[in-house]
Amino acid sequence: MEKTIKLKEFFGSSFLISTEKGEKLYPIVLEELKAGNKVIIDFENIKSTITAFFYAWYGRLFEMYNKKELKERIIFTNITKGSLLQIETVEDTSEKFYTNKEE
């Protein structure tokens, strides 16, 4: 199954500029992943994001899932290049953090 989360509707805002918003999204995405679902994260009409927003929800998923799994099961749509760069930063940093934590 697939679950689509339209961020503008979910948060009631075009600005994803807080860690708290990421913390609110995390349990929703985690629940869908645990259920074996794909998650479509729709950034339509989102004007601004910060890296801390992505660390708060996406980065934490690296504790349980690897990058390949997340890329297969989380689909980002209608996203800006700037937000994609933030996601890449979070992927690289979070992957290293959780991999080194196990050693």
PDB file of N, CA and C in Angstrom:
ATOM      1  N   MET A   1       0.823  -1.197   0.000  1.00  0.00           N
ATOM      2  CA  MET A   1       0.000   0.000   0.000  1.00  0.00           C
ATOM      3  C   MET A   1       0.865   1.258   0.000  1.00  0.00           C
ATOM      4  N   GLU A   2       0.220   2.334  -0.347  1.00  0.00           N
ATOM      5  CA  GLU A   2       0.888   3.644  -0.312  1.00  0.00           C
ATOM      6  C   GLU A   2       0.063   4.611   0.519  1.00  0.00           C
ATOM      7  N   LYS A   3       0.778   5.442   1.237  1.00  0.00           N
ATOM      8  CA  LYS A   3       0.140   6.506   2.015  1.00  0.00           C
ATOM      9  C   LYS A   3       0.742   7.822   1.536  1.00  0.00           C
ATOM     10  N   THR A   4      -0.103   8.751   1.127  1.00  0.00           N
ATOM     11  CA  THR A   4       0.365  10.074   0.708  1.00  0.00           C
ATOM     12  C   THR A   4       0.132  11.057   1.847  1.00  0.00           C
ATOM     13  N   ILE A   5       1.173  11.809   2.158  1.00  0.00           N
ATOM     14  CA  ILE A   5       1.067  12.862   3.170  1.00  0.00           C
ATOM     15  C   ILE A   5       1.329  14.186   2.473  1.00  0.00           C
ATOM     16  N   LYS A   6       0.297  14.987   2.341  1.00  0.00           N
ATOM     17  CA  LYS A   6       0.422  16.318   1.747  1.00  0.00           C
ATOM     18  C   LYS A   6       0.807  17.264   2.890  1.00  0.00           C
ATOM     19  N   LEU A   7       2.055  17.681   2.871  1.00  0.00           N
ATOM     20  CA  LEU A   7       2.603  18.426   4.000  1.00  0.00           C
ATOM     21  C   LEU A   7       1.875  19.739   4.265  1.00  0.00           C
ATOM     22  N   LYS A   8       1.465  20.437   3.226  1.00  0.00           N
ATOM     23  CA  LYS A   8       0.755  21.714   3.440  1.00  0.00           C
ATOM     24  C   LYS A   8      -0.540  21.471   4.217  1.00  0.00           C
ATOM     25  N   GLU A   9      -1.260  20.420   3.851  1.00  0.00           N
ATOM     26  CA  GLU A   9      -2.502  20.090   4.565  1.00  0.00           C
ATOM     27  C   GLU A   9      -2.209  19.563   5.968  1.00  0.00           C
ATOM     28  N   PHE A  10      -1.211  18.701   6.082  1.00  0.00           N
ATOM     29  CA  PHE A  10      -0.875  18.080   7.365  1.00  0.00           C
ATOM     30  C   PHE A  10      -0.502  19.130   8.415  1.00  0.00           C
ATOM     31  N   PHE A  11       0.312  20.103   7.991  1.00  0.00           N
ATOM     32  CA  PHE A  11       0.780  21.117   8.936  1.00  0.00           C
ATOM     33  C   PHE A  11      -0.039  22.403   8.901  1.00  0.00           C
ATOM     34  N   GLY A  12      -0.820  22.602   7.848  1.00  0.00           N
ATOM     35  CA  GLY A  12      -1.576  23.849   7.727  1.00  0.00           C
ATOM     36  C   GLY A  12      -0.658  25.035   7.513  1.00  0.00           C
ATOM     37  N   SER A  13       0.468  24.797   6.857  1.00  0.00           N
ATOM     38  CA  SER A  13       1.463  25.848   6.664  1.00  0.00           C
ATOM     39  C   SER A  13       2.299  25.552   5.427  1.00  0.00           C
ATOM     40  N   SER A  14       2.814  26.610   4.802  1.00  0.00           N
ATOM     41  CA  SER A  14       3.725  26.464   3.663  1.00  0.00           C
ATOM     42  C   SER A  14       5.187  26.474   4.096  1.00  0.00           C
ATOM     43  N   PHE A  15       5.418  26.600   5.402  1.00  0.00           N
ATOM     44  CA  PHE A  15       6.777  26.729   5.923  1.00  0.00           C
ATOM     45  C   PHE A  15       7.080  25.593   6.893  1.00  0.00           C
ATOM     46  N   LEU A  16       8.072  24.801   6.546  1.00  0.00           N
ATOM     47  CA  LEU A  16       8.501  23.691   7.396  1.00  0.00           C
ATOM     48  C   LEU A  16       9.853  24.078   7.986  1.00  0.00           C
ATOM     49  N   ILE A  17       9.773  24.974   8.950  1.00  0.00           N
ATOM     50  CA  ILE A  17      10.991  25.595   9.461  1.00  0.00           C
ATOM     51  C   ILE A  17      11.147  25.392  10.966  1.00  0.00           C
ATOM     52  N   SER A  18      10.784  24.173  11.419  1.00  0.00           N
ATOM     53  CA  SER A  18      11.010  23.872  12.834  1.00  0.00           C
ATOM     54  C   SER A  18      11.256  22.386  13.026  1.00  0.00           C
ATOM     55  N   THR A  19      12.000  22.071  14.041  1.00  0.00           N
ATOM     56  CA  THR A  19      12.236  20.684  14.436  1.00  0.00           C
ATOM     57  C   THR A  19      10.931  20.067  14.909  1.00  0.00           C
ATOM     58  N   GLU A  20      10.095  20.847  15.584  1.00  0.00           N
ATOM     59  CA  GLU A  20       8.837  20.344  16.128  1.00  0.00           C
ATOM     60  C   GLU A  20       7.935  19.758  15.046  1.00  0.00           C
ATOM     61  N   LYS A  21       7.916  20.382  13.884  1.00  0.00           N
ATOM     62  CA  LYS A  21       7.093  19.852  12.791  1.00  0.00           C
ATOM     63  C   LYS A  21       7.632  18.496  12.334  1.00  0.00           C
ATOM     64  N   GLY A  22       8.933  18.371  12.276  1.00  0.00           N
ATOM     65  CA  GLY A  22       9.527  17.086  11.925  1.00  0.00           C
ATOM     66  C   GLY A  22       9.206  16.018  12.958  1.00  0.00           C
ATOM     67  N   GLU A  23       9.217  16.400  14.223  1.00  0.00           N
ATOM     68  CA  GLU A  23       8.900  15.461  15.299  1.00  0.00           C
ATOM     69  C   GLU A  23       7.445  15.007  15.221  1.00  0.00           C
ATOM     70  N   LYS A  24       6.576  15.866  14.735  1.00  0.00           N
ATOM     71  CA  LYS A  24       5.158  15.516  14.567  1.00  0.00           C
ATOM     72  C   LYS A  24       4.974  14.530  13.401  1.00  0.00           C
ATOM     73  N   LEU A  25       5.782  14.668  12.373  1.00  0.00           N
ATOM     74  CA  LEU A  25       5.686  13.809  11.195  1.00  0.00           C
ATOM     75  C   LEU A  25       6.296  12.425  11.418  1.00  0.00           C
ATOM     76  N   TYR A  26       7.338  12.361  12.222  1.00  0.00           N
ATOM     77  CA  TYR A  26       8.099  11.117  12.430  1.00  0.00           C
ATOM     78  C   TYR A  26       7.229   9.903  12.783  1.00  0.00           C
ATOM     79  N   PRO A  27       6.373   9.969  13.816  1.00  0.00           N
ATOM     80  CA  PRO A  27       5.615   8.757  14.160  1.00  0.00           C
ATOM     81  C   PRO A  27       4.647   8.308  13.066  1.00  0.00           C
ATOM     82  N   ILE A  28       4.152   9.241  12.280  1.00  0.00           N
ATOM     83  CA  ILE A  28       3.226   8.909  11.192  1.00  0.00           C
ATOM     84  C   ILE A  28       3.970   8.093  10.120  1.00  0.00           C
ATOM     85  N   VAL A  29       5.127   8.595   9.720  1.00  0.00           N
ATOM     86  CA  VAL A  29       5.919   7.916   8.689  1.00  0.00           C
ATOM     87  C   VAL A  29       6.414   6.565   9.215  1.00  0.00           C
ATOM     88  N   LEU A  30       6.894   6.541  10.435  1.00  0.00           N
ATOM     89  CA  LEU A  30       7.407   5.300  11.026  1.00  0.00           C
ATOM     90  C   LEU A  30       6.319   4.226  11.067  1.00  0.00           C
ATOM     91  N   GLU A  31       5.122   4.595  11.456  1.00  0.00           N
ATOM     92  CA  GLU A  31       4.008   3.647  11.518  1.00  0.00           C
ATOM     93  C   GLU A  31       3.721   3.040  10.134  1.00  0.00           C
ATOM     94  N   GLU A  32       3.755   3.874   9.112  1.00  0.00           N
ATOM     95  CA  GLU A  32       3.514   3.386   7.746  1.00  0.00           C
ATOM     96  C   GLU A  32       4.620   2.439   7.285  1.00  0.00           C
ATOM     97  N   LEU A  33       5.869   2.787   7.596  1.00  0.00           N
ATOM     98  CA  LEU A  33       6.990   1.928   7.216  1.00  0.00           C
ATOM     99  C   LEU A  33       6.906   0.577   7.933  1.00  0.00           C
ATOM    100  N   LYS A  34       6.586   0.609   9.219  1.00  0.00           N
ATOM    101  CA  LYS A  34       6.465  -0.636   9.988  1.00  0.00           C
ATOM    102  C   LYS A  34       5.351  -1.516   9.441  1.00  0.00           C
ATOM    103  N   ALA A  35       4.319  -0.893   8.873  1.00  0.00           N
ATOM    104  CA  ALA A  35       3.207  -1.639   8.284  1.00  0.00           C
ATOM    105  C   ALA A  35       3.558  -2.166   6.895  1.00  0.00           C
ATOM    106  N   GLY A  36       4.759  -1.822   6.405  1.00  0.00           N
ATOM    107  CA  GLY A  36       5.210  -2.297   5.102  1.00  0.00           C
ATOM    108  C   GLY A  36       4.772  -1.424   3.940  1.00  0.00           C
ATOM    109  N   ASN A  37       4.281  -0.239   4.233  1.00  0.00           N
ATOM    110  CA  ASN A  37       3.778   0.653   3.194  1.00  0.00           C
ATOM    111  C   ASN A  37       4.855   1.582   2.651  1.00  0.00           C
ATOM    112  N   LYS A  38       4.618   2.054   1.429  1.00  0.00           N
ATOM    113  CA  LYS A  38       5.408   3.147   0.868  1.00  0.00           C
ATOM    114  C   LYS A  38       4.758   4.442   1.332  1.00  0.00           C
ATOM    115  N   VAL A  39       5.581   5.472   1.488  1.00  0.00           N
ATOM    116  CA  VAL A  39       5.066   6.764   1.926  1.00  0.00           C
ATOM    117  C   VAL A  39       5.438   7.819   0.889  1.00  0.00           C
ATOM    118  N   ILE A  40       4.436   8.504   0.393  1.00  0.00           N
ATOM    119  CA  ILE A  40       4.664   9.593  -0.554  1.00  0.00           C
ATOM    120  C   ILE A  40       4.555  10.891   0.238  1.00  0.00           C
ATOM    121  N   ILE A  41       5.649  11.633   0.257  1.00  0.00           N
ATOM    122  CA  ILE A  41       5.697  12.914   0.959  1.00  0.00           C
ATOM    123  C   ILE A  41       5.560  14.001  -0.099  1.00  0.00           C
ATOM    124  N   ASP A  42       4.430  14.687  -0.079  1.00  0.00           N
ATOM    125  CA  ASP A  42       4.097  15.674  -1.104  1.00  0.00           C
ATOM    126  C   ASP A  42       4.384  17.090  -0.592  1.00  0.00           C
ATOM    127  N   PHE A  43       5.318  17.749  -1.263  1.00  0.00           N
ATOM    128  CA  PHE A  43       5.739  19.097  -0.889  1.00  0.00           C
ATOM    129  C   PHE A  43       5.015  20.185  -1.683  1.00  0.00           C
ATOM    130  N   GLU A  44       3.914  19.859  -2.321  1.00  0.00           N
ATOM    131  CA  GLU A  44       3.185  20.850  -3.106  1.00  0.00           C
ATOM    132  C   GLU A  44       2.836  22.062  -2.242  1.00  0.00           C
ATOM    133  N   ASN A  45       3.127  23.242  -2.777  1.00  0.00           N
ATOM    134  CA  ASN A  45       2.875  24.530  -2.115  1.00  0.00           C
ATOM    135  C   ASN A  45       3.693  24.761  -0.844  1.00  0.00           C
ATOM    136  N   ILE A  46       4.765  24.002  -0.646  1.00  0.00           N
ATOM    137  CA  ILE A  46       5.679  24.265   0.470  1.00  0.00           C
ATOM    138  C   ILE A  46       6.715  25.270  -0.028  1.00  0.00           C
ATOM    139  N   LYS A  47       6.822  26.380   0.680  1.00  0.00           N
ATOM    140  CA  LYS A  47       7.706  27.464   0.238  1.00  0.00           C
ATOM    141  C   LYS A  47       9.100  27.393   0.832  1.00  0.00           C
ATOM    142  N   SER A  48       9.223  26.828   2.036  1.00  0.00           N
ATOM    143  CA  SER A  48      10.526  26.845   2.688  1.00  0.00           C
ATOM    144  C   SER A  48      10.662  25.664   3.652  1.00  0.00           C
ATOM    145  N   THR A  49      11.874  25.084   3.675  1.00  0.00           N
ATOM    146  CA  THR A  49      12.195  24.021   4.632  1.00  0.00           C
ATOM    147  C   THR A  49      13.557  24.320   5.246  1.00  0.00           C
ATOM    148  N   ILE A  50      13.806  23.707   6.399  1.00  0.00           N
ATOM    149  CA  ILE A  50      15.139  23.787   6.994  1.00  0.00           C
ATOM    150  C   ILE A  50      15.638  22.355   7.228  1.00  0.00           C
ATOM    151  N   THR A  51      16.931  22.203   7.268  1.00  0.00           N
ATOM    152  CA  THR A  51      17.537  20.883   7.432  1.00  0.00           C
ATOM    153  C   THR A  51      17.096  20.241   8.742  1.00  0.00           C
ATOM    154  N   ALA A  52      16.928  21.024   9.793  1.00  0.00           N
ATOM    155  CA  ALA A  52      16.506  20.473  11.092  1.00  0.00           C
ATOM    156  C   ALA A  52      15.148  19.775  10.997  1.00  0.00           C
ATOM    157  N   PHE A  53      14.274  20.254  10.135  1.00  0.00           N
ATOM    158  CA  PHE A  53      12.981  19.594   9.911  1.00  0.00           C
ATOM    159  C   PHE A  53      13.206  18.164   9.416  1.00  0.00           C
ATOM    160  N   PHE A  54      14.129  17.991   8.472  1.00  0.00           N
ATOM    161  CA  PHE A  54      14.406  16.663   7.915  1.00  0.00           C
ATOM    162  C   PHE A  54      15.133  15.764   8.915  1.00  0.00           C
ATOM    163  N   TYR A  55      16.048  16.336   9.709  1.00  0.00           N
ATOM    164  CA  TYR A  55      16.728  15.532  10.727  1.00  0.00           C
ATOM    165  C   TYR A  55      15.722  14.977  11.732  1.00  0.00           C
ATOM    166  N   ALA A  56      14.728  15.779  12.090  1.00  0.00           N
ATOM    167  CA  ALA A  56      13.786  15.401  13.141  1.00  0.00           C
ATOM    168  C   ALA A  56      12.898  14.215  12.767  1.00  0.00           C
ATOM    169  N   TRP A  57      12.660  14.023  11.493  1.00  0.00           N
ATOM    170  CA  TRP A  57      11.825  12.869  11.126  1.00  0.00           C
ATOM    171  C   TRP A  57      12.555  11.894  10.207  1.00  0.00           C
ATOM    172  N   TYR A  58      13.149  12.387   9.140  1.00  0.00           N
ATOM    173  CA  TYR A  58      13.780  11.509   8.154  1.00  0.00           C
ATOM    174  C   TYR A  58      15.088  10.943   8.702  1.00  0.00           C
ATOM    175  N   GLY A  59      15.898  11.776   9.302  1.00  0.00           N
ATOM    176  CA  GLY A  59      17.183  11.334   9.841  1.00  0.00           C
ATOM    177  C   GLY A  59      17.035  10.248  10.891  1.00  0.00           C
ATOM    178  N   ARG A  60      16.004  10.349  11.710  1.00  0.00           N
ATOM    179  CA  ARG A  60      15.784   9.366  12.777  1.00  0.00           C
ATOM    180  C   ARG A  60      15.446   7.982  12.225  1.00  0.00           C
ATOM    181  N   LEU A  61      14.915   7.918  11.019  1.00  0.00           N
ATOM    182  CA  LEU A  61      14.550   6.632  10.417  1.00  0.00           C
ATOM    183  C   LEU A  61      15.772   5.767  10.113  1.00  0.00           C
ATOM    184  N   PHE A  62      16.939   6.420  10.001  1.00  0.00           N
ATOM    185  CA  PHE A  62      18.171   5.685   9.705  1.00  0.00           C
ATOM    186  C   PHE A  62      18.613   4.807  10.873  1.00  0.00           C
ATOM    187  N   GLU A  63      18.018   4.998  12.023  1.00  0.00           N
ATOM    188  CA  GLU A  63      18.319   4.139  13.161  1.00  0.00           C
ATOM    189  C   GLU A  63      17.784   2.719  12.907  1.00  0.00           C
ATOM    190  N   MET A  64      16.702   2.622  12.119  1.00  0.00           N
ATOM    191  CA  MET A  64      16.068   1.326  11.873  1.00  0.00           C
ATOM    192  C   MET A  64      16.144   0.848  10.428  1.00  0.00           C
ATOM    193  N   TYR A  65      16.362   1.773   9.502  1.00  0.00           N
ATOM    194  CA  TYR A  65      16.350   1.435   8.082  1.00  0.00           C
ATOM    195  C   TYR A  65      17.620   1.962   7.423  1.00  0.00           C
ATOM    196  N   ASN A  66      18.066   1.272   6.369  1.00  0.00           N
ATOM    197  CA  ASN A  66      19.232   1.776   5.647  1.00  0.00           C
ATOM    198  C   ASN A  66      18.775   2.697   4.503  1.00  0.00           C
ATOM    199  N   LYS A  67      19.731   3.355   3.903  1.00  0.00           N
ATOM    200  CA  LYS A  67      19.439   4.351   2.867  1.00  0.00           C
ATOM    201  C   LYS A  67      18.685   3.736   1.685  1.00  0.00           C
ATOM    202  N   LYS A  68      19.093   2.548   1.279  1.00  0.00           N
ATOM    203  CA  LYS A  68      18.449   1.876   0.150  1.00  0.00           C
ATOM    204  C   LYS A  68      16.970   1.616   0.451  1.00  0.00           C
ATOM    205  N   GLU A  69      16.690   1.096   1.640  1.00  0.00           N
ATOM    206  CA  GLU A  69      15.302   0.824   2.036  1.00  0.00           C
ATOM    207  C   GLU A  69      14.465   2.107   2.039  1.00  0.00           C
ATOM    208  N   LEU A  70      15.022   3.156   2.604  1.00  0.00           N
ATOM    209  CA  LEU A  70      14.280   4.417   2.696  1.00  0.00           C
ATOM    210  C   LEU A  70      14.032   5.015   1.315  1.00  0.00           C
ATOM    211  N   LYS A  71      15.027   4.938   0.444  1.00  0.00           N
ATOM    212  CA  LYS A  71      14.858   5.480  -0.906  1.00  0.00           C
ATOM    213  C   LYS A  71      13.797   4.705  -1.692  1.00  0.00           C
ATOM    214  N   GLU A  72      13.665   3.421  -1.403  1.00  0.00           N
ATOM    215  CA  GLU A  72      12.650   2.606  -2.076  1.00  0.00           C
ATOM    216  C   GLU A  72      11.250   2.846  -1.517  1.00  0.00           C
ATOM    217  N   ARG A  73      11.172   3.227  -0.248  1.00  0.00           N
ATOM    218  CA  ARG A  73       9.865   3.282   0.418  1.00  0.00           C
ATOM    219  C   ARG A  73       9.350   4.671   0.743  1.00  0.00           C
ATOM    220  N   ILE A  74      10.214   5.683   0.635  1.00  0.00           N
ATOM    221  CA  ILE A  74       9.766   7.067   0.832  1.00  0.00           C
ATOM    222  C   ILE A  74       9.984   7.816  -0.470  1.00  0.00           C
ATOM    223  N   ILE A  75       8.911   8.351  -1.010  1.00  0.00           N
ATOM    224  CA  ILE A  75       8.969   9.070  -2.280  1.00  0.00           C
ATOM    225  C   ILE A  75       8.650  10.537  -2.010  1.00  0.00           C
ATOM    226  N   PHE A  76       9.550  11.401  -2.423  1.00  0.00           N
ATOM    227  CA  PHE A  76       9.359  12.840  -2.279  1.00  0.00           C
ATOM    228  C   PHE A  76       8.831  13.394  -3.600  1.00  0.00           C
ATOM    229  N   THR A  77       7.692  14.088  -3.559  1.00  0.00           N
ATOM    230  CA  THR A  77       7.131  14.678  -4.773  1.00  0.00           C
ATOM    231  C   THR A  77       6.968  16.182  -4.606  1.00  0.00           C
ATOM    232  N   ASN A  78       6.963  16.879  -5.744  1.00  0.00           N
ATOM    233  CA  ASN A  78       6.776  18.336  -5.778  1.00  0.00           C
ATOM    234  C   ASN A  78       7.762  19.059  -4.857  1.00  0.00           C
ATOM    235  N   ILE A  79       9.000  18.599  -4.873  1.00  0.00           N
ATOM    236  CA  ILE A  79      10.002  19.127  -3.946  1.00  0.00           C
ATOM    237  C   ILE A  79      11.011  19.997  -4.691  1.00  0.00           C
ATOM    238  N   THR A  80      11.496  21.032  -4.024  1.00  0.00           N
ATOM    239  CA  THR A  80      12.463  21.941  -4.629  1.00  0.00           C
ATOM    240  C   THR A  80      13.868  21.337  -4.586  1.00  0.00           C
ATOM    241  N   LYS A  81      14.743  21.881  -5.427  1.00  0.00           N
ATOM    242  CA  LYS A  81      16.138  21.432  -5.425  1.00  0.00           C
ATOM    243  C   LYS A  81      16.790  21.709  -4.073  1.00  0.00           C
ATOM    244  N   GLY A  82      16.446  22.835  -3.477  1.00  0.00           N
ATOM    245  CA  GLY A  82      17.015  23.182  -2.174  1.00  0.00           C
ATOM    246  C   GLY A  82      16.649  22.164  -1.103  1.00  0.00           C
ATOM    247  N   SER A  83      15.390  21.750  -1.083  1.00  0.00           N
ATOM    248  CA  SER A  83      14.959  20.747  -0.108  1.00  0.00           C
ATOM    249  C   SER A  83      15.604  19.395  -0.402  1.00  0.00           C
ATOM    250  N   LEU A  84      15.783  19.068  -1.666  1.00  0.00           N
ATOM    251  CA  LEU A  84      16.462  17.815  -2.022  1.00  0.00           C
ATOM    252  C   LEU A  84      17.902  17.813  -1.525  1.00  0.00           C
ATOM    253  N   LEU A  85      18.564  18.960  -1.609  1.00  0.00           N
ATOM    254  CA  LEU A  85      19.929  19.066  -1.093  1.00  0.00           C
ATOM    255  C   LEU A  85      19.950  18.874   0.424  1.00  0.00           C
ATOM    256  N   GLN A  86      18.944  19.405   1.105  1.00  0.00           N
ATOM    257  CA  GLN A  86      18.850  19.215   2.557  1.00  0.00           C
ATOM    258  C   GLN A  86      18.671  17.731   2.879  1.00  0.00           C
ATOM    259  N   ILE A  87      17.851  17.049   2.097  1.00  0.00           N
ATOM    260  CA  ILE A  87      17.626  15.617   2.302  1.00  0.00           C
ATOM    261  C   ILE A  87      18.918  14.835   2.090  1.00  0.00           C
ATOM    262  N   GLU A  88      19.671  15.173   1.058  1.00  0.00           N
ATOM    263  CA  GLU A  88      20.945  14.495   0.810  1.00  0.00           C
ATOM    264  C   GLU A  88      21.894  14.673   1.989  1.00  0.00           C
ATOM    265  N   THR A  89      21.947  15.861   2.536  1.00  0.00           N
ATOM    266  CA  THR A  89      22.787  16.133   3.704  1.00  0.00           C
ATOM    267  C   THR A  89      22.359  15.258   4.875  1.00  0.00           C
ATOM    268  N   VAL A  90      21.065  15.200   5.114  1.00  0.00           N
ATOM    269  CA  VAL A  90      20.529  14.398   6.216  1.00  0.00           C
ATOM    270  C   VAL A  90      20.816  12.911   5.987  1.00  0.00           C
ATOM    271  N   GLU A  91      20.662  12.447   4.754  1.00  0.00           N
ATOM    272  CA  GLU A  91      20.948  11.039   4.451  1.00  0.00           C
ATOM    273  C   GLU A  91      22.400  10.697   4.757  1.00  0.00           C
ATOM    274  N   ASP A  92      23.309  11.496   4.250  1.00  0.00           N
ATOM    275  CA  ASP A  92      24.735  11.220   4.439  1.00  0.00           C
ATOM    276  C   ASP A  92      25.122  11.265   5.914  1.00  0.00           C
ATOM    277  N   THR A  93      24.693  12.296   6.597  1.00  0.00           N
ATOM    278  CA  THR A  93      25.052  12.466   8.005  1.00  0.00           C
ATOM    279  C   THR A  93      24.408  11.405   8.885  1.00  0.00           C
ATOM    280  N   SER A  94      23.120  11.146   8.671  1.00  0.00           N
ATOM    281  CA  SER A  94      22.393  10.183   9.504  1.00  0.00           C
ATOM    282  C   SER A  94      22.894   8.764   9.276  1.00  0.00           C
ATOM    283  N   GLU A  95      23.178   8.436   8.020  1.00  0.00           N
ATOM    284  CA  GLU A  95      23.692   7.108   7.704  1.00  0.00           C
ATOM    285  C   GLU A  95      25.022   6.874   8.426  1.00  0.00           C
ATOM    286  N   LYS A  96      25.907   7.850   8.371  1.00  0.00           N
ATOM    287  CA  LYS A  96      27.204   7.738   9.056  1.00  0.00           C
ATOM    288  C   LYS A  96      27.016   7.657  10.564  1.00  0.00           C
ATOM    289  N   PHE A  97      26.134   8.475  11.103  1.00  0.00           N
ATOM    290  CA  PHE A  97      25.909   8.517  12.550  1.00  0.00           C
ATOM    291  C   PHE A  97      25.426   7.170  13.060  1.00  0.00           C
ATOM    292  N   TYR A  98      24.397   6.625  12.438  1.00  0.00           N
ATOM    293  CA  TYR A  98      23.824   5.359  12.937  1.00  0.00           C
ATOM    294  C   TYR A  98      24.702   4.159  12.611  1.00  0.00           C
ATOM    295  N   THR A  99      25.478   4.218  11.538  1.00  0.00           N
ATOM    296  CA  THR A  99      26.397   3.126  11.223  1.00  0.00           C
ATOM    297  C   THR A  99      27.541   3.105  12.232  1.00  0.00           C
ATOM    298  N   ASN A 100      28.089   4.251  12.545  1.00  0.00           N
ATOM    299  CA  ASN A 100      29.199   4.339  13.509  1.00  0.00           C
ATOM    300  C   ASN A 100      28.757   4.051  14.920  1.00  0.00           C
ATOM    301  N   LYS A 101      27.492   4.290  15.219  1.00  0.00           N
ATOM    302  CA  LYS A 101      26.955   4.053  16.555  1.00  0.00           C
ATOM    303  C   LYS A 101      27.014   2.570  16.930  1.00  0.00           C
ATOM    304  N   GLU A 102      26.896   1.708  15.906  1.00  0.00           N
ATOM    305  CA  GLU A 102      26.878   0.267  16.138  1.00  0.00           C
ATOM    306  C   GLU A 102      28.260  -0.296  16.425  1.00  0.00           C
ATOM    307  N   GLU A 103      29.291   0.425  16.075  1.00  0.00           N
ATOM    308  CA  GLU A 103      30.661  -0.081  16.239  1.00  0.00           C
ATOM    309  C   GLU A 103      31.132   0.025  17.673  1.00  0.00           C
TER     310      GLU A 103
END
